[in-house]
């Protein structure tokens, strides 16, 4: 489950400088992403430098009424359609994986 806050900065370079100065950049994730939608399901196809290729399935509950189990079922159905086994699932973020390679 994710809870996301999106902030669109009018000055992204200044915001980056501020964050770098106050928090220090630990790792940079360099990726190319394609996004596809099937109804309320978002599919990310990522190519991550020094890590490889990844697919992420995200069920979006816009009404905040879906049961978690229903959302899991929808993800599992798509995994079957893509012929993906649950053993391929990853828990770590790209940044975690990059930092473990150092």
PDB file of N, CA and C in Angstrom:
ATOM      1  N   UNK A   1       0.838  -1.185   0.000  1.00  0.00           N
ATOM      2  CA  UNK A   1       0.000   0.000   0.000  1.00  0.00           C
ATOM      3  C   UNK A   1       0.877   1.241   0.000  1.00  0.00           C
ATOM      4  N   UNK A   2       0.445   2.226  -0.730  1.00  0.00           N
ATOM      5  CA  UNK A   2       1.194   3.474  -0.811  1.00  0.00           C
ATOM      6  C   UNK A   2       0.284   4.655  -0.501  1.00  0.00           C
ATOM      7  N   UNK A   3       0.849   5.623   0.166  1.00  0.00           N
ATOM      8  CA  UNK A   3       0.172   6.890   0.400  1.00  0.00           C
ATOM      9  C   UNK A   3       1.095   7.958  -0.168  1.00  0.00           C
ATOM     10  N   UNK A   4       0.658   8.599  -1.222  1.00  0.00           N
ATOM     11  CA  UNK A   4       1.541   9.484  -1.980  1.00  0.00           C
ATOM     12  C   UNK A   4       1.108  10.930  -1.842  1.00  0.00           C
ATOM     13  N   UNK A   5       2.094  11.792  -1.643  1.00  0.00           N
ATOM     14  CA  UNK A   5       1.859  13.232  -1.675  1.00  0.00           C
ATOM     15  C   UNK A   5       2.673  13.778  -2.841  1.00  0.00           C
ATOM     16  N   UNK A   6       2.021  14.435  -3.776  1.00  0.00           N
ATOM     17  CA  UNK A   6       2.683  14.969  -4.954  1.00  0.00           C
ATOM     18  C   UNK A   6       2.776  16.476  -4.841  1.00  0.00           C
ATOM     19  N   UNK A   7       3.984  16.961  -5.027  1.00  0.00           N
ATOM     20  CA  UNK A   7       4.210  18.402  -4.963  1.00  0.00           C
ATOM     21  C   UNK A   7       4.842  18.835  -6.274  1.00  0.00           C
ATOM     22  N   UNK A   8       4.194  19.731  -6.994  1.00  0.00           N
ATOM     23  CA  UNK A   8       4.748  20.264  -8.230  1.00  0.00           C
ATOM     24  C   UNK A   8       5.393  21.601  -7.927  1.00  0.00           C
ATOM     25  N   UNK A   9       6.701  21.629  -8.076  1.00  0.00           N
ATOM     26  CA  UNK A   9       7.455  22.844  -7.786  1.00  0.00           C
ATOM     27  C   UNK A   9       7.509  23.739  -9.017  1.00  0.00           C
ATOM     28  N   UNK A  10       7.386  25.024  -8.796  1.00  0.00           N
ATOM     29  CA  UNK A  10       7.542  25.992  -9.873  1.00  0.00           C
ATOM     30  C   UNK A  10       9.021  26.181 -10.224  1.00  0.00           C
ATOM     31  N   UNK A  11       9.892  25.790  -9.277  1.00  0.00           N
ATOM     32  CA  UNK A  11      11.332  25.927  -9.473  1.00  0.00           C
ATOM     33  C   UNK A  11      12.028  24.626  -9.061  1.00  0.00           C
ATOM     34  N   UNK A  12      11.940  23.584  -9.900  1.00  0.00           N
ATOM     35  CA  UNK A  12      12.497  22.279  -9.516  1.00  0.00           C
ATOM     36  C   UNK A  12      14.004  22.285  -9.248  1.00  0.00           C
ATOM     37  N   UNK A  13      14.776  23.092  -9.978  1.00  0.00           N
ATOM     38  CA  UNK A  13      16.221  23.143  -9.738  1.00  0.00           C
ATOM     39  C   UNK A  13      16.531  23.720  -8.356  1.00  0.00           C
ATOM     40  N   UNK A  14      15.804  24.754  -7.983  1.00  0.00           N
ATOM     41  CA  UNK A  14      16.004  25.351  -6.663  1.00  0.00           C
ATOM     42  C   UNK A  14      15.584  24.378  -5.567  1.00  0.00           C
ATOM     43  N   UNK A  15      14.503  23.662  -5.789  1.00  0.00           N
ATOM     44  CA  UNK A  15      14.047  22.672  -4.809  1.00  0.00           C
ATOM     45  C   UNK A  15      15.093  21.569  -4.648  1.00  0.00           C
ATOM     46  N   UNK A  16      15.661  21.092  -5.756  1.00  0.00           N
ATOM     47  CA  UNK A  16      16.704  20.064  -5.696  1.00  0.00           C
ATOM     48  C   UNK A  16      17.903  20.572  -4.904  1.00  0.00           C
ATOM     49  N   UNK A  17      18.326  21.798  -5.162  1.00  0.00           N
ATOM     50  CA  UNK A  17      19.464  22.367  -4.430  1.00  0.00           C
ATOM     51  C   UNK A  17      19.170  22.450  -2.938  1.00  0.00           C
ATOM     52  N   UNK A  18      17.965  22.862  -2.595  1.00  0.00           N
ATOM     53  CA  UNK A  18      17.567  22.964  -1.193  1.00  0.00           C
ATOM     54  C   UNK A  18      17.593  21.592  -0.524  1.00  0.00           C
ATOM     55  N   UNK A  19      17.015  20.602  -1.194  1.00  0.00           N
ATOM     56  CA  UNK A  19      16.990  19.249  -0.626  1.00  0.00           C
ATOM     57  C   UNK A  19      18.400  18.668  -0.515  1.00  0.00           C
ATOM     58  N   UNK A  20      19.229  18.868  -1.550  1.00  0.00           N
ATOM     59  CA  UNK A  20      20.611  18.381  -1.489  1.00  0.00           C
ATOM     60  C   UNK A  20      21.371  19.017  -0.331  1.00  0.00           C
ATOM     61  N   UNK A  21      21.172  20.304  -0.133  1.00  0.00           N
ATOM     62  CA  UNK A  21      21.877  21.016   0.932  1.00  0.00           C
ATOM     63  C   UNK A  21      21.425  20.565   2.315  1.00  0.00           C
ATOM     64  N   UNK A  22      20.147  20.261   2.456  1.00  0.00           N
ATOM     65  CA  UNK A  22      19.639  19.932   3.786  1.00  0.00           C
ATOM     66  C   UNK A  22      19.620  18.433   4.089  1.00  0.00           C
ATOM     67  N   UNK A  23      19.509  17.588   3.061  1.00  0.00           N
ATOM     68  CA  UNK A  23      19.359  16.152   3.319  1.00  0.00           C
ATOM     69  C   UNK A  23      20.492  15.289   2.778  1.00  0.00           C
ATOM     70  N   UNK A  24      21.249  15.774   1.820  1.00  0.00           N
ATOM     71  CA  UNK A  24      22.343  15.041   1.191  1.00  0.00           C
ATOM     72  C   UNK A  24      21.800  13.879   0.350  1.00  0.00           C
ATOM     73  N   UNK A  25      22.159  13.886  -0.917  1.00  0.00           N
ATOM     74  CA  UNK A  25      21.776  12.815  -1.828  1.00  0.00           C
ATOM     75  C   UNK A  25      22.619  11.583  -1.528  1.00  0.00           C
ATOM     76  N   UNK A  26      21.978  10.463  -1.314  1.00  0.00           N
ATOM     77  CA  UNK A  26      22.672   9.212  -1.009  1.00  0.00           C
ATOM     78  C   UNK A  26      22.867   8.387  -2.279  1.00  0.00           C
ATOM     79  N   UNK A  27      21.828   8.333  -3.107  1.00  0.00           N
ATOM     80  CA  UNK A  27      21.887   7.550  -4.335  1.00  0.00           C
ATOM     81  C   UNK A  27      20.952   8.191  -5.361  1.00  0.00           C
ATOM     82  N   UNK A  28      21.310   8.074  -6.628  1.00  0.00           N
ATOM     83  CA  UNK A  28      20.467   8.577  -7.707  1.00  0.00           C
ATOM     84  C   UNK A  28      19.980   7.385  -8.515  1.00  0.00           C
ATOM     85  N   UNK A  29      18.678   7.299  -8.714  1.00  0.00           N
ATOM     86  CA  UNK A  29      18.086   6.250  -9.537  1.00  0.00           C
ATOM     87  C   UNK A  29      17.875   6.837 -10.926  1.00  0.00           C
ATOM     88  N   UNK A  30      18.598   6.294 -11.900  1.00  0.00           N
ATOM     89  CA  UNK A  30      18.508   6.751 -13.287  1.00  0.00           C
ATOM     90  C   UNK A  30      17.664   5.735 -14.038  1.00  0.00           C
ATOM     91  N   UNK A  31      16.445   6.135 -14.412  1.00  0.00           N
ATOM     92  CA  UNK A  31      15.543   5.170 -15.054  1.00  0.00           C
ATOM     93  C   UNK A  31      14.772   5.814 -16.195  1.00  0.00           C
ATOM     94  N   UNK A  32      14.383   4.964 -17.109  1.00  0.00           N
ATOM     95  CA  UNK A  32      13.445   5.328 -18.167  1.00  0.00           C
ATOM     96  C   UNK A  32      12.169   4.568 -17.856  1.00  0.00           C
ATOM     97  N   UNK A  33      11.026   5.241 -17.921  1.00  0.00           N
ATOM     98  CA  UNK A  33       9.761   4.606 -17.534  1.00  0.00           C
ATOM     99  C   UNK A  33       8.721   4.816 -18.614  1.00  0.00           C
ATOM    100  N   UNK A  34       8.014   3.734 -18.918  1.00  0.00           N
ATOM    101  CA  UNK A  34       6.817   3.796 -19.753  1.00  0.00           C
ATOM    102  C   UNK A  34       5.653   3.418 -18.853  1.00  0.00           C
ATOM    103  N   UNK A  35       4.525   4.129 -19.009  1.00  0.00           N
ATOM    104  CA  UNK A  35       3.356   3.873 -18.167  1.00  0.00           C
ATOM    105  C   UNK A  35       2.180   3.526 -19.058  1.00  0.00           C
ATOM    106  N   UNK A  36       1.477   2.463 -18.668  1.00  0.00           N
ATOM    107  CA  UNK A  36       0.287   2.009 -19.387  1.00  0.00           C
ATOM    108  C   UNK A  36      -0.848   1.875 -18.381  1.00  0.00           C
ATOM    109  N   UNK A  37      -2.065   2.068 -18.858  1.00  0.00           N
ATOM    110  CA  UNK A  37      -3.242   1.915 -18.006  1.00  0.00           C
ATOM    111  C   UNK A  37      -4.179   0.872 -18.583  1.00  0.00           C
ATOM    112  N   UNK A  38      -4.710   0.047 -17.705  1.00  0.00           N
ATOM    113  CA  UNK A  38      -5.839  -0.831 -18.013  1.00  0.00           C
ATOM    114  C   UNK A  38      -6.881  -0.478 -16.961  1.00  0.00           C
ATOM    115  N   UNK A  39      -7.865   0.300 -17.371  1.00  0.00           N
ATOM    116  CA  UNK A  39      -8.871   0.824 -16.428  1.00  0.00           C
ATOM    117  C   UNK A  39      -8.173   1.538 -15.269  1.00  0.00           C
ATOM    118  N   UNK A  40      -8.338   1.031 -14.043  1.00  0.00           N
ATOM    119  CA  UNK A  40      -7.762   1.668 -12.855  1.00  0.00           C
ATOM    120  C   UNK A  40      -6.441   1.005 -12.436  1.00  0.00           C
ATOM    121  N   UNK A  41      -5.856   0.236 -13.346  1.00  0.00           N
ATOM    122  CA  UNK A  41      -4.584  -0.424 -13.050  1.00  0.00           C
ATOM    123  C   UNK A  41      -3.483   0.241 -13.863  1.00  0.00           C
ATOM    124  N   UNK A  42      -2.444   0.656 -13.172  1.00  0.00           N
ATOM    125  CA  UNK A  42      -1.317   1.348 -13.783  1.00  0.00           C
ATOM    126  C   UNK A  42      -0.139   0.377 -13.878  1.00  0.00           C
ATOM    127  N   UNK A  43       0.447   0.295 -15.053  1.00  0.00           N
ATOM    128  CA  UNK A  43       1.564  -0.614 -15.275  1.00  0.00           C
ATOM    129  C   UNK A  43       2.794   0.212 -15.638  1.00  0.00           C
ATOM    130  N   UNK A  44       3.845   0.061 -14.849  1.00  0.00           N
ATOM    131  CA  UNK A  44       5.102   0.756 -15.087  1.00  0.00           C
ATOM    132  C   UNK A  44       6.076  -0.245 -15.696  1.00  0.00           C
ATOM    133  N   UNK A  45       6.698   0.129 -16.791  1.00  0.00           N
ATOM    134  CA  UNK A  45       7.783  -0.659 -17.373  1.00  0.00           C
ATOM    135  C   UNK A  45       9.034   0.202 -17.258  1.00  0.00           C
ATOM    136  N   UNK A  46       9.965  -0.246 -16.416  1.00  0.00           N
ATOM    137  CA  UNK A  46      11.140   0.555 -16.091  1.00  0.00           C
ATOM    138  C   UNK A  46      12.426  -0.104 -16.580  1.00  0.00           C
ATOM    139  N   UNK A  47      13.306   0.723 -17.096  1.00  0.00           N
ATOM    140  CA  UNK A  47      14.681   0.313 -17.384  1.00  0.00           C
ATOM    141  C   UNK A  47      15.558   1.144 -16.465  1.00  0.00           C
ATOM    142  N   UNK A  48      16.208   0.469 -15.503  1.00  0.00           N
ATOM    143  CA  UNK A  48      16.972   1.158 -14.467  1.00  0.00           C
ATOM    144  C   UNK A  48      18.461   0.914 -14.702  1.00  0.00           C
ATOM    145  N   UNK A  49      19.200   2.005 -14.858  1.00  0.00           N
ATOM    146  CA  UNK A  49      20.639   1.921 -15.090  1.00  0.00           C
ATOM    147  C   UNK A  49      21.310   1.138 -13.965  1.00  0.00           C
ATOM    148  N   UNK A  50      22.130   0.189 -14.321  1.00  0.00           N
ATOM    149  CA  UNK A  50      22.899  -0.669 -13.406  1.00  0.00           C
ATOM    150  C   UNK A  50      22.057  -1.690 -12.648  1.00  0.00           C
ATOM    151  N   UNK A  51      20.757  -1.778 -12.960  1.00  0.00           N
ATOM    152  CA  UNK A  51      19.911  -2.788 -12.310  1.00  0.00           C
ATOM    153  C   UNK A  51      19.193  -3.692 -13.304  1.00  0.00           C
ATOM    154  N   UNK A  52      18.679  -3.118 -14.394  1.00  0.00           N
ATOM    155  CA  UNK A  52      17.961  -3.922 -15.368  1.00  0.00           C
ATOM    156  C   UNK A  52      16.552  -3.421 -15.612  1.00  0.00           C
ATOM    157  N   UNK A  53      15.707  -4.348 -16.060  1.00  0.00           N
ATOM    158  CA  UNK A  53      14.332  -4.026 -16.444  1.00  0.00           C
ATOM    159  C   UNK A  53      13.348  -4.556 -15.408  1.00  0.00           C
ATOM    160  N   UNK A  54      12.287  -3.772 -15.169  1.00  0.00           N
ATOM    161  CA  UNK A  54      11.304  -4.120 -14.141  1.00  0.00           C
ATOM    162  C   UNK A  54       9.904  -3.783 -14.619  1.00  0.00           C
ATOM    163  N   UNK A  55       8.932  -4.482 -14.069  1.00  0.00           N
ATOM    164  CA  UNK A  55       7.522  -4.211 -14.327  1.00  0.00           C
ATOM    165  C   UNK A  55       6.831  -4.055 -12.984  1.00  0.00           C
ATOM    166  N   UNK A  56       6.041  -3.017 -12.857  1.00  0.00           N
ATOM    167  CA  UNK A  56       5.297  -2.771 -11.612  1.00  0.00           C
ATOM    168  C   UNK A  56       3.821  -2.685 -11.959  1.00  0.00           C
ATOM    169  N   UNK A  57       3.010  -3.382 -11.187  1.00  0.00           N
ATOM    170  CA  UNK A  57       1.553  -3.341 -11.349  1.00  0.00           C
ATOM    171  C   UNK A  57       0.993  -2.610 -10.144  1.00  0.00           C
ATOM    172  N   UNK A  58       0.230  -1.552 -10.409  1.00  0.00           N
ATOM    173  CA  UNK A  58      -0.314  -0.722  -9.334  1.00  0.00           C
ATOM    174  C   UNK A  58      -1.820  -0.589  -9.514  1.00  0.00           C
ATOM    175  N   UNK A  59      -2.573  -1.130  -8.577  1.00  0.00           N
ATOM    176  CA  UNK A  59      -4.027  -0.966  -8.597  1.00  0.00           C
ATOM    177  C   UNK A  59      -4.350   0.327  -7.863  1.00  0.00           C
ATOM    178  N   UNK A  60      -5.074   1.210  -8.541  1.00  0.00           N
ATOM    179  CA  UNK A  60      -5.395   2.521  -7.975  1.00  0.00           C
ATOM    180  C   UNK A  60      -6.848   2.531  -7.507  1.00  0.00           C
ATOM    181  N   UNK A  61      -7.027   2.795  -6.240  1.00  0.00           N
ATOM    182  CA  UNK A  61      -8.363   2.871  -5.649  1.00  0.00           C
ATOM    183  C   UNK A  61      -8.757   4.339  -5.520  1.00  0.00           C
ATOM    184  N   UNK A  62      -9.313   4.881  -6.595  1.00  0.00           N
ATOM    185  CA  UNK A  62      -9.654   6.309  -6.615  1.00  0.00           C
ATOM    186  C   UNK A  62     -10.793   6.666  -5.662  1.00  0.00           C
ATOM    187  N   UNK A  63     -11.638   5.701  -5.340  1.00  0.00           N
ATOM    188  CA  UNK A  63     -12.791   5.973  -4.476  1.00  0.00           C
ATOM    189  C   UNK A  63     -12.530   5.606  -3.017  1.00  0.00           C
ATOM    190  N   UNK A  64     -11.362   5.005  -2.757  1.00  0.00           N
ATOM    191  CA  UNK A  64     -11.003   4.586  -1.408  1.00  0.00           C
ATOM    192  C   UNK A  64     -12.028   3.612  -0.829  1.00  0.00           C
ATOM    193  N   UNK A  65     -12.553   2.729  -1.683  1.00  0.00           N
ATOM    194  CA  UNK A  65     -13.573   1.771  -1.242  1.00  0.00           C
ATOM    195  C   UNK A  65     -13.192   0.320  -1.524  1.00  0.00           C
ATOM    196  N   UNK A  66     -12.088   0.099  -2.208  1.00  0.00           N
ATOM    197  CA  UNK A  66     -11.708  -1.271  -2.566  1.00  0.00           C
ATOM    198  C   UNK A  66     -11.078  -1.987  -1.383  1.00  0.00           C
ATOM    199  N   UNK A  67     -11.399  -3.247  -1.262  1.00  0.00           N
ATOM    200  CA  UNK A  67     -10.758  -4.090  -0.256  1.00  0.00           C
ATOM    201  C   UNK A  67      -9.348  -4.425  -0.728  1.00  0.00           C
ATOM    202  N   UNK A  68      -8.425  -4.516   0.191  1.00  0.00           N
ATOM    203  CA  UNK A  68      -7.038  -4.833  -0.136  1.00  0.00           C
ATOM    204  C   UNK A  68      -6.967  -6.187  -0.848  1.00  0.00           C
ATOM    205  N   UNK A  69      -7.763  -7.136  -0.391  1.00  0.00           N
ATOM    206  CA  UNK A  69      -7.761  -8.465  -1.010  1.00  0.00           C
ATOM    207  C   UNK A  69      -8.183  -8.393  -2.484  1.00  0.00           C
ATOM    208  N   UNK A  70      -9.153  -7.564  -2.795  1.00  0.00           N
ATOM    209  CA  UNK A  70      -9.594  -7.378  -4.183  1.00  0.00           C
ATOM    210  C   UNK A  70      -8.465  -6.790  -5.020  1.00  0.00           C
ATOM    211  N   UNK A  71      -7.758  -5.843  -4.450  1.00  0.00           N
ATOM    212  CA  UNK A  71      -6.639  -5.234  -5.159  1.00  0.00           C
ATOM    213  C   UNK A  71      -5.539  -6.268  -5.419  1.00  0.00           C
ATOM    214  N   UNK A  72      -5.259  -7.108  -4.435  1.00  0.00           N
ATOM    215  CA  UNK A  72      -4.266  -8.177  -4.607  1.00  0.00           C
ATOM    216  C   UNK A  72      -4.712  -9.145  -5.696  1.00  0.00           C
ATOM    217  N   UNK A  73      -5.989  -9.487  -5.702  1.00  0.00           N
ATOM    218  CA  UNK A  73      -6.508 -10.403  -6.721  1.00  0.00           C
ATOM    219  C   UNK A  73      -6.316  -9.831  -8.124  1.00  0.00           C
ATOM    220  N   UNK A  74      -6.576  -8.543  -8.280  1.00  0.00           N
ATOM    221  CA  UNK A  74      -6.409  -7.908  -9.588  1.00  0.00           C
ATOM    222  C   UNK A  74      -4.948  -7.937 -10.029  1.00  0.00           C
ATOM    223  N   UNK A  75      -4.040  -7.680  -9.105  1.00  0.00           N
ATOM    224  CA  UNK A  75      -2.605  -7.771  -9.425  1.00  0.00           C
ATOM    225  C   UNK A  75      -2.229  -9.200  -9.816  1.00  0.00           C
ATOM    226  N   UNK A  76      -2.713 -10.164  -9.049  1.00  0.00           N
ATOM    227  CA  UNK A  76      -2.394 -11.566  -9.330  1.00  0.00           C
ATOM    228  C   UNK A  76      -2.939 -12.009 -10.690  1.00  0.00           C
ATOM    229  N   UNK A  77      -4.126 -11.545 -11.051  1.00  0.00           N
ATOM    230  CA  UNK A  77      -4.695 -11.885 -12.358  1.00  0.00           C
ATOM    231  C   UNK A  77      -3.824 -11.349 -13.492  1.00  0.00           C
ATOM    232  N   UNK A  78      -3.342 -10.115 -13.338  1.00  0.00           N
ATOM    233  CA  UNK A  78      -2.463  -9.555 -14.367  1.00  0.00           C
ATOM    234  C   UNK A  78      -1.129 -10.287 -14.414  1.00  0.00           C
ATOM    235  N   UNK A  79      -0.613 -10.656 -13.259  1.00  0.00           N
ATOM    236  CA  UNK A  79       0.628 -11.421 -13.241  1.00  0.00           C
ATOM    237  C   UNK A  79       0.465 -12.720 -14.019  1.00  0.00           C
ATOM    238  N   UNK A  80      -0.667 -13.372 -13.863  1.00  0.00           N
ATOM    239  CA  UNK A  80      -0.924 -14.611 -14.607  1.00  0.00           C
ATOM    240  C   UNK A  80      -0.983 -14.332 -16.101  1.00  0.00           C
ATOM    241  N   UNK A  81      -1.642 -13.246 -16.490  1.00  0.00           N
ATOM    242  CA  UNK A  81      -1.730 -12.894 -17.911  1.00  0.00           C
ATOM    243  C   UNK A  81      -0.365 -12.611 -18.508  1.00  0.00           C
ATOM    244  N   UNK A  82       0.533 -12.015 -17.705  1.00  0.00           N
ATOM    245  CA  UNK A  82       1.890 -11.716 -18.152  1.00  0.00           C
ATOM    246  C   UNK A  82       2.836 -12.894 -17.950  1.00  0.00           C
ATOM    247  N   UNK A  83       2.293 -13.993 -17.411  1.00  0.00           N
ATOM    248  CA  UNK A  83       3.084 -15.200 -17.147  1.00  0.00           C
ATOM    249  C   UNK A  83       4.241 -14.910 -16.178  1.00  0.00           C
ATOM    250  N   UNK A  84       3.926 -14.166 -15.112  1.00  0.00           N
ATOM    251  CA  UNK A  84       4.910 -13.820 -14.081  1.00  0.00           C
ATOM    252  C   UNK A  84       4.632 -14.616 -12.814  1.00  0.00           C
ATOM    253  N   UNK A  85       5.666 -15.200 -12.265  1.00  0.00           N
ATOM    254  CA  UNK A  85       5.549 -15.992 -11.056  1.00  0.00           C
ATOM    255  C   UNK A  85       5.796 -15.109  -9.828  1.00  0.00           C
ATOM    256  N   UNK A  86       5.127 -15.416  -8.737  1.00  0.00           N
ATOM    257  CA  UNK A  86       5.269 -14.636  -7.506  1.00  0.00           C
ATOM    258  C   UNK A  86       6.704 -14.643  -6.975  1.00  0.00           C
ATOM    259  N   UNK A  87       7.486 -15.640  -7.364  1.00  0.00           N
ATOM    260  CA  UNK A  87       8.881 -15.688  -6.908  1.00  0.00           C
ATOM    261  C   UNK A  87       9.702 -14.536  -7.478  1.00  0.00           C
ATOM    262  N   UNK A  88       9.181 -13.837  -8.489  1.00  0.00           N
ATOM    263  CA  UNK A  88       9.879 -12.706  -9.096  1.00  0.00           C
ATOM    264  C   UNK A  88       9.632 -11.386  -8.367  1.00  0.00           C
ATOM    265  N   UNK A  89       8.702 -11.389  -7.411  1.00  0.00           N
ATOM    266  CA  UNK A  89       8.362 -10.157  -6.701  1.00  0.00           C
ATOM    267  C   UNK A  89       9.533  -9.671  -5.847  1.00  0.00           C
ATOM    268  N   UNK A  90       9.714  -8.358  -5.833  1.00  0.00           N
ATOM    269  CA  UNK A  90      10.783  -7.740  -5.052  1.00  0.00           C
ATOM    270  C   UNK A  90      10.189  -6.826  -3.994  1.00  0.00           C
ATOM    271  N   UNK A  91      10.828  -6.747  -2.854  1.00  0.00           N
ATOM    272  CA  UNK A  91      10.376  -5.865  -1.780  1.00  0.00           C
ATOM    273  C   UNK A  91      11.186  -4.581  -1.715  1.00  0.00           C
ATOM    274  N   UNK A  92      12.414  -4.621  -2.196  1.00  0.00           N
ATOM    275  CA  UNK A  92      13.300  -3.468  -2.072  1.00  0.00           C
ATOM    276  C   UNK A  92      13.051  -2.450  -3.173  1.00  0.00           C
ATOM    277  N   UNK A  93      13.298  -1.199  -2.834  1.00  0.00           N
ATOM    278  CA  UNK A  93      13.195  -0.122  -3.818  1.00  0.00           C
ATOM    279  C   UNK A  93      14.435  -0.137  -4.709  1.00  0.00           C
ATOM    280  N   UNK A  94      14.360   0.587  -5.812  1.00  0.00           N
ATOM    281  CA  UNK A  94      15.518   0.701  -6.696  1.00  0.00           C
ATOM    282  C   UNK A  94      16.705   1.286  -5.930  1.00  0.00           C
ATOM    283  N   UNK A  95      16.451   2.295  -5.115  1.00  0.00           N
ATOM    284  CA  UNK A  95      17.558   2.906  -4.365  1.00  0.00           C
ATOM    285  C   UNK A  95      18.189   1.905  -3.393  1.00  0.00           C
ATOM    286  N   UNK A  96      17.369   1.079  -2.740  1.00  0.00           N
ATOM    287  CA  UNK A  96      17.902   0.050  -1.846  1.00  0.00           C
ATOM    288  C   UNK A  96      18.787  -0.922  -2.622  1.00  0.00           C
ATOM    289  N   UNK A  97      18.303  -1.337  -3.789  1.00  0.00           N
ATOM    290  CA  UNK A  97      19.069  -2.292  -4.587  1.00  0.00           C
ATOM    291  C   UNK A  97      20.378  -1.685  -5.077  1.00  0.00           C
ATOM    292  N   UNK A  98      20.348  -0.415  -5.492  1.00  0.00           N
ATOM    293  CA  UNK A  98      21.574   0.254  -5.936  1.00  0.00           C
ATOM    294  C   UNK A  98      22.576   0.393  -4.801  1.00  0.00           C
ATOM    295  N   UNK A  99      22.087   0.761  -3.615  1.00  0.00           N
ATOM    296  CA  UNK A  99      22.983   0.944  -2.470  1.00  0.00           C
ATOM    297  C   UNK A  99      23.604  -0.391  -2.031  1.00  0.00           C
ATOM    298  N   UNK A 100      22.893  -1.482  -2.220  1.00  0.00           N
ATOM    299  CA  UNK A 100      23.452  -2.785  -1.824  1.00  0.00           C
ATOM    300  C   UNK A 100      24.539  -3.252  -2.794  1.00  0.00           C
ATOM    301  N   UNK A 101      24.584  -2.655  -4.002  1.00  0.00           N
ATOM    302  CA  UNK A 101      25.617  -3.002  -4.985  1.00  0.00           C
ATOM    303  C   UNK A 101      26.931  -2.287  -4.717  1.00  0.00           C
ATOM    304  N   UNK A 102      26.892  -1.247  -3.887  1.00  0.00           N
ATOM    305  CA  UNK A 102      28.100  -0.429  -3.644  1.00  0.00           C
ATOM    306  C   UNK A 102      29.042  -1.124  -2.696  1.00  0.00           C
TER     307      UNK A 102
END
